[in-house]
C-alpha atoms as a PDB file:
ATOM      1  CA  MET A   1      -6.683 -17.207  17.197  1.00  0.00           C
ATOM      2  CA  LEU A   2      -9.009 -19.337  15.093  1.00  0.00           C
ATOM      3  CA  GLU A   3      -9.729 -21.589  18.046  1.00  0.00           C
ATOM      4  CA  GLU A   4     -10.479 -18.544  20.213  1.00  0.00           C
ATOM      5  CA  ALA A   5     -12.895 -17.219  17.605  1.00  0.00           C
ATOM      6  CA  VAL A   6     -14.734 -20.529  17.418  1.00  0.00           C
ATOM      7  CA  VAL A   7     -14.840 -21.048  21.185  1.00  0.00           C
ATOM      8  CA  ALA A   8     -15.940 -17.466  21.858  1.00  0.00           C
ATOM      9  CA  ASP A   9     -18.404 -17.589  18.932  1.00  0.00           C
ATOM     10  CA  LEU A  10     -17.127 -14.262  17.640  1.00  0.00           C
ATOM     11  CA  SER A  11     -18.869 -12.449  14.820  1.00  0.00           C
ATOM     12  CA  VAL A  12     -17.061 -11.679  11.573  1.00  0.00           C
ATOM     13  CA  SER A  13     -16.705  -8.013  12.543  1.00  0.00           C
ATOM     14  CA  GLU A  14     -15.247  -8.967  15.933  1.00  0.00           C
ATOM     15  CA  ASN A  15     -12.747 -11.246  14.191  1.00  0.00           C
ATOM     16  CA  ARG A  16     -11.779  -8.449  11.819  1.00  0.00           C
ATOM     17  CA  GLU A  17     -11.201  -6.092  14.726  1.00  0.00           C
ATOM     18  CA  ARG A  18      -8.954  -8.624  16.428  1.00  0.00           C
ATOM     19  CA  VAL A  19      -6.946  -9.253  13.250  1.00  0.00           C
ATOM     20  CA  LYS A  20      -6.617  -5.525  12.651  1.00  0.00           C
ATOM     21  CA  ALA A  21      -5.369  -5.035  16.205  1.00  0.00           C
ATOM     22  CA  LEU A  22      -2.657  -7.645  15.652  1.00  0.00           C
ATOM     23  CA  GLN A  23      -1.401  -6.101  12.421  1.00  0.00           C
ATOM     24  CA  PRO A  24       1.355  -3.503  12.678  1.00  0.00           C
ATOM     25  CA  SER A  25       0.133   0.043  12.337  1.00  0.00           C
ATOM     26  CA  THR A  26       1.261   1.786   9.167  1.00  0.00           C
ATOM     27  CA  GLU A  27       0.989   5.121  10.991  1.00  0.00           C
ATOM     28  CA  ASP A  28       4.131   4.274  12.975  1.00  0.00           C
ATOM     29  CA  GLU A  29       6.087   3.254   9.882  1.00  0.00           C
ATOM     30  CA  SER A  30       8.126   5.572   7.754  1.00  0.00           C
ATOM     31  CA  PRO A  31       6.874   6.132   4.198  1.00  0.00           C
ATOM     32  CA  GLN A  32       9.729   3.992   2.886  1.00  0.00           C
ATOM     33  CA  ALA A  33       8.897   1.151   5.286  1.00  0.00           C
ATOM     34  CA  THR A  34       5.232   1.309   4.283  1.00  0.00           C
ATOM     35  CA  ILE A  35       6.096   1.014   0.589  1.00  0.00           C
ATOM     36  CA  GLN A  36       8.497  -1.869   1.248  1.00  0.00           C
ATOM     37  CA  SER A  37       5.910  -3.657   3.391  1.00  0.00           C
ATOM     38  CA  ILE A  38       3.179  -3.333   0.786  1.00  0.00           C
ATOM     39  CA  THR A  39       5.533  -4.439  -1.989  1.00  0.00           C
ATOM     40  CA  ARG A  40       6.565  -7.490   0.042  1.00  0.00           C
ATOM     41  CA  ARG A  41       2.930  -8.394   0.764  1.00  0.00           C
ATOM     42  CA  ILE A  42       1.948  -8.048  -2.897  1.00  0.00           C
ATOM     43  CA  THR A  43       4.834 -10.292  -3.918  1.00  0.00           C
ATOM     44  CA  GLN A  44       4.064 -12.896  -1.246  1.00  0.00           C
ATOM     45  CA  SER A  45       0.358 -12.983  -2.066  1.00  0.00           C
ATOM     46  CA  LYS A  46       1.096 -13.617  -5.760  1.00  0.00           C
ATOM     47  CA  VAL A  47      -1.798 -11.307  -6.583  1.00  0.00           C
ATOM     48  CA  TRP A  48      -1.037 -11.669 -10.307  1.00  0.00           C
ATOM     49  CA  GLU A  49      -2.483 -15.188 -10.145  1.00  0.00           C
ATOM     50  CA  ASN A  50      -5.955 -13.694  -9.653  1.00  0.00           C
ATOM     51  CA  PRO A  51      -6.841 -11.795 -12.853  1.00  0.00           C
ATOM     52  CA  LYS A  52      -9.450  -9.587 -11.174  1.00  0.00           C
ATOM     53  CA  LYS A  53      -7.115  -8.534  -8.355  1.00  0.00           C
ATOM     54  CA  TRP A  54      -4.176  -8.131 -10.737  1.00  0.00           C
ATOM     55  CA  LYS A  55      -6.187  -5.724 -12.869  1.00  0.00           C
ATOM     56  CA  GLN A  56      -6.892  -3.636  -9.743  1.00  0.00           C
ATOM     57  CA  VAL A  57      -3.211  -3.690  -8.810  1.00  0.00           C
ATOM     58  CA  GLN A  58      -2.233  -2.615 -12.319  1.00  0.00           C
ATOM     59  CA  THR A  59      -4.653   0.316 -12.138  1.00  0.00           C
ATOM     60  CA  LEU A  60      -3.202   1.405  -8.807  1.00  0.00           C
ATOM     61  CA  LEU A  61       0.363   0.991 -10.074  1.00  0.00           C
ATOM     62  CA  LYS A  62      -0.416   3.230 -13.045  1.00  0.00           C
ATOM     63  CA  LYS A  63      -1.757   5.885 -10.673  1.00  0.00           C
ATOM     64  CA  LEU A  64       1.378   5.639  -8.540  1.00  0.00           C
ATOM     65  CA  GLU A  65       3.555   5.865 -11.641  1.00  0.00           C
ATOM     66  CA  ALA A  66       1.672   8.986 -12.709  1.00  0.00           C
ATOM     67  CA  LEU A  67       2.210  10.531  -9.277  1.00  0.00           C
ATOM     68  CA  VAL A  68       5.924   9.787  -9.367  1.00  0.00           C
ATOM     69  CA  THR A  69       6.246  11.054 -12.925  1.00  0.00           C
ATOM     70  CA  ASP A  70       4.320  14.236 -12.100  1.00  0.00           C
ATOM     71  CA  GLU A  71       6.560  14.804  -9.082  1.00  0.00           C
ATOM     72  CA  LYS A  72       9.723  14.357 -11.152  1.00  0.00           C
ATOM     73  CA  ASP A  73       8.404  16.722 -13.822  1.00  0.00           C
ATOM     74  CA  PHE A  74       7.498  19.256 -11.150  1.00  0.00           C
ATOM     75  CA  GLU A  75      10.957  19.046  -9.563  1.00  0.00           C
ATOM     76  CA  GLN A  76      12.685  19.347 -12.960  1.00  0.00           C
ATOM     77  CA  THR A  77      10.575  22.376 -13.877  1.00  0.00           C
ATOM     78  CA  ASN A  78      11.354  24.040 -10.551  1.00  0.00           C
ATOM     79  CA  SER A  79      15.087  23.349 -10.780  1.00  0.00           C
ATOM     80  CA  GLN A  80      15.188  24.651 -14.371  1.00  0.00           C
ATOM     81  CA  SER A  81      13.315  27.804 -13.338  1.00  0.00           C
ATOM     82  CA  GLU A  82      15.725  28.393 -10.451  1.00  0.00           C
ATOM     83  CA  SER A  83      18.774  27.888 -12.661  1.00  0.00           C
ATOM     84  CA  LEU A  84      17.388  30.398 -15.167  1.00  0.00           C
ATOM     85  CA  GLY A  85      16.924  32.941 -12.396  1.00  0.00           C
ATOM     86  CA  GLU A  86      13.153  33.015 -12.616  1.00  0.00           C
END
């Protein structure tokens, strides 16, 4: 692909489009597969070795944790309300 880009004198945006076309679409993946794929890519990239990127990842992880925690709290509140006959 690199050789093609050099030979065809492709612009950066054209290269990005080609790379994007080669990557699997996350729209076709199940939510579980998407999470597993992202987790695998984060682990493989060793993003924690770059302090700036790691800080961004930590921020996003905290947001995800808050979403999961909120969801659990919501489900617990609903199940408690149902069991109390509310």
